[in-house]
């Protein structure tokens, strides 16, 4: 699907983004995108680490004597 994207196509996309958002907004967009990706990776790591925690079975209640 995206195999045909080359340098000229990426430059055109970048030019359109600059026209739409302006050059002043690009650092903010990049920062927001980076933070979003970092949060996503952190949530994936947390979800993966929860799966590998050993669980202890609950102890059965003891009968009163």
N, C-alpha and C. Protein backbone atom coordinates (compact mmCIF):
# COMPACT_ATOMS: atom_id res chain seq x y z
N UNK A 1 0.82 -1.18 0.00
CA UNK A 1 0.00 0.00 0.00
C UNK A 1 0.87 1.26 0.00
N UNK A 2 1.80 1.35 0.97
CA UNK A 2 2.65 2.54 1.05
C UNK A 2 4.03 2.27 0.45
N UNK A 3 4.17 1.22 -0.29
CA UNK A 3 5.46 0.87 -0.87
C UNK A 3 5.92 1.86 -1.92
N UNK A 4 5.03 2.60 -2.49
CA UNK A 4 5.40 3.52 -3.56
C UNK A 4 5.70 4.93 -3.06
N UNK A 5 5.70 5.14 -1.74
CA UNK A 5 6.03 6.47 -1.21
C UNK A 5 7.54 6.67 -1.25
N UNK A 6 7.95 7.66 -1.98
CA UNK A 6 9.35 7.98 -2.08
C UNK A 6 9.63 9.36 -1.51
N UNK A 7 10.83 9.84 -1.75
CA UNK A 7 11.23 11.15 -1.24
C UNK A 7 10.37 12.27 -1.82
N UNK A 8 10.10 12.29 -3.12
CA UNK A 8 9.26 13.39 -3.65
C UNK A 8 7.86 13.43 -3.03
N UNK A 9 7.28 12.25 -2.85
CA UNK A 9 5.94 12.21 -2.25
C UNK A 9 5.97 12.70 -0.81
N UNK A 10 6.98 12.30 -0.05
CA UNK A 10 7.10 12.74 1.35
C UNK A 10 7.32 14.24 1.44
N UNK A 11 8.08 14.80 0.51
CA UNK A 11 8.30 16.25 0.50
C UNK A 11 7.00 17.00 0.20
N UNK A 12 6.21 16.46 -0.69
CA UNK A 12 4.91 17.09 -1.01
C UNK A 12 4.01 17.04 0.21
N UNK A 13 3.98 15.90 0.91
CA UNK A 13 3.16 15.78 2.12
C UNK A 13 3.64 16.77 3.18
N UNK A 14 4.95 16.89 3.35
CA UNK A 14 5.51 17.84 4.32
C UNK A 14 5.15 19.28 3.94
N UNK A 15 5.20 19.60 2.68
CA UNK A 15 4.84 20.94 2.23
C UNK A 15 3.36 21.23 2.52
N UNK A 16 2.50 20.27 2.29
CA UNK A 16 1.07 20.45 2.58
C UNK A 16 0.85 20.65 4.07
N UNK A 17 1.55 19.88 4.90
CA UNK A 17 1.43 20.02 6.35
C UNK A 17 1.89 21.40 6.79
N UNK A 18 2.98 21.89 6.22
CA UNK A 18 3.49 23.23 6.57
C UNK A 18 2.47 24.29 6.15
N UNK A 19 1.86 24.11 5.01
CA UNK A 19 0.88 25.09 4.56
C UNK A 19 -0.35 25.09 5.47
N UNK A 20 -0.79 23.91 5.87
CA UNK A 20 -2.00 23.81 6.69
C UNK A 20 -1.75 24.33 8.11
N UNK A 21 -0.68 23.87 8.74
CA UNK A 21 -0.46 24.18 10.15
C UNK A 21 0.47 25.37 10.37
N UNK A 22 1.28 25.70 9.42
CA UNK A 22 2.23 26.78 9.58
C UNK A 22 3.52 26.29 10.21
N UNK A 23 4.59 27.00 9.95
CA UNK A 23 5.91 26.56 10.43
C UNK A 23 6.03 26.70 11.94
N UNK A 24 5.30 27.61 12.55
CA UNK A 24 5.40 27.80 14.00
C UNK A 24 4.76 26.66 14.78
N UNK A 25 3.79 26.00 14.21
CA UNK A 25 3.08 24.91 14.90
C UNK A 25 3.78 23.57 14.76
N UNK A 26 4.71 23.42 13.82
CA UNK A 26 5.34 22.13 13.58
C UNK A 26 6.08 21.58 14.79
N UNK A 27 6.88 22.38 15.53
CA UNK A 27 7.52 21.81 16.72
C UNK A 27 6.52 21.31 17.75
N UNK A 28 5.42 22.04 17.91
CA UNK A 28 4.40 21.61 18.87
C UNK A 28 3.74 20.31 18.40
N UNK A 29 3.49 20.19 17.11
CA UNK A 29 2.90 18.96 16.59
C UNK A 29 3.85 17.79 16.77
N UNK A 30 5.12 17.99 16.49
CA UNK A 30 6.12 16.93 16.66
C UNK A 30 6.25 16.52 18.11
N UNK A 31 6.25 17.49 19.01
CA UNK A 31 6.36 17.20 20.44
C UNK A 31 5.14 16.41 20.91
N UNK A 32 3.97 16.82 20.47
CA UNK A 32 2.74 16.11 20.84
C UNK A 32 2.72 14.69 20.30
N UNK A 33 3.18 14.53 19.07
CA UNK A 33 3.23 13.21 18.47
C UNK A 33 4.21 12.32 19.22
N UNK A 34 5.36 12.86 19.57
CA UNK A 34 6.36 12.10 20.32
C UNK A 34 5.85 11.69 21.69
N UNK A 35 5.18 12.59 22.39
CA UNK A 35 4.63 12.26 23.71
C UNK A 35 3.54 11.21 23.58
N UNK A 36 2.73 11.29 22.56
CA UNK A 36 1.69 10.30 22.34
C UNK A 36 2.27 8.92 22.09
N UNK A 37 3.32 8.86 21.27
CA UNK A 37 3.98 7.59 20.99
C UNK A 37 4.63 7.03 22.25
N UNK A 38 5.26 7.90 23.05
CA UNK A 38 5.90 7.47 24.29
C UNK A 38 4.87 6.92 25.26
N UNK A 39 3.73 7.60 25.39
CA UNK A 39 2.66 7.12 26.27
C UNK A 39 2.11 5.77 25.80
N UNK A 40 1.99 5.62 24.50
CA UNK A 40 1.50 4.36 23.95
C UNK A 40 2.48 3.23 24.24
N UNK A 41 3.77 3.48 24.06
CA UNK A 41 4.77 2.45 24.34
C UNK A 41 4.79 2.10 25.82
N UNK A 42 4.66 3.10 26.68
CA UNK A 42 4.64 2.84 28.12
C UNK A 42 3.43 2.00 28.50
N UNK A 43 2.27 2.29 27.91
CA UNK A 43 1.08 1.52 28.24
C UNK A 43 1.20 0.09 27.73
N UNK A 44 1.86 -0.11 26.60
CA UNK A 44 2.08 -1.46 26.09
C UNK A 44 3.01 -2.22 27.03
N UNK A 45 4.07 -1.57 27.51
CA UNK A 45 5.00 -2.23 28.44
C UNK A 45 4.30 -2.58 29.74
N UNK A 46 3.46 -1.68 30.25
CA UNK A 46 2.74 -1.95 31.50
C UNK A 46 1.78 -3.12 31.31
N UNK A 47 1.10 -3.16 30.20
CA UNK A 47 0.16 -4.25 29.95
C UNK A 47 0.91 -5.57 29.80
N UNK A 48 2.07 -5.54 29.18
CA UNK A 48 2.86 -6.75 29.01
C UNK A 48 3.45 -7.23 30.32
N UNK A 49 3.85 -6.32 31.20
CA UNK A 49 4.44 -6.73 32.46
C UNK A 49 3.37 -7.27 33.40
N UNK A 50 2.13 -6.82 33.28
CA UNK A 50 1.05 -7.34 34.11
C UNK A 50 0.75 -8.79 33.77
N UNK A 51 0.94 -9.17 32.51
CA UNK A 51 0.64 -10.53 32.08
C UNK A 51 1.61 -11.54 32.66
N UNK A 52 2.82 -11.13 32.98
CA UNK A 52 3.86 -12.06 33.40
C UNK A 52 4.05 -12.10 34.90
N UNK A 53 3.23 -11.42 35.66
CA UNK A 53 3.36 -11.45 37.10
C UNK A 53 2.81 -12.78 37.62
N UNK A 54 3.57 -13.44 38.49
CA UNK A 54 3.04 -14.69 39.03
C UNK A 54 1.89 -14.40 39.99
N UNK A 55 0.86 -15.16 39.85
CA UNK A 55 -0.29 -14.97 40.71
C UNK A 55 -0.34 -16.11 41.72
N UNK A 56 -0.63 -15.80 42.93
CA UNK A 56 -0.77 -16.83 43.95
C UNK A 56 -2.25 -17.13 44.10
N UNK A 57 -2.57 -18.39 44.16
CA UNK A 57 -4.00 -18.72 44.30
C UNK A 57 -4.48 -18.30 45.68
N UNK A 58 -5.72 -17.92 45.78
CA UNK A 58 -6.23 -17.49 47.09
C UNK A 58 -6.25 -18.68 48.06
N UNK A 59 -5.93 -18.40 49.28
CA UNK A 59 -5.93 -19.46 50.30
C UNK A 59 -7.37 -19.75 50.71
N UNK A 60 -7.70 -21.03 50.81
CA UNK A 60 -9.07 -21.35 51.19
C UNK A 60 -9.31 -21.01 52.65
N UNK A 61 -10.50 -20.61 52.99
CA UNK A 61 -10.79 -20.26 54.39
C UNK A 61 -10.72 -21.52 55.25
N UNK A 62 -10.22 -21.35 56.44
CA UNK A 62 -10.15 -22.48 57.36
C UNK A 62 -11.43 -22.58 58.16
N UNK A 63 -11.81 -23.79 58.44
CA UNK A 63 -13.04 -24.01 59.20
C UNK A 63 -12.79 -23.73 60.69
N UNK A 64 -13.71 -23.09 61.36
CA UNK A 64 -13.50 -22.84 62.78
C UNK A 64 -13.58 -24.15 63.58
N UNK A 65 -12.82 -24.22 64.64
CA UNK A 65 -12.79 -25.45 65.45
C UNK A 65 -13.72 -25.39 66.62
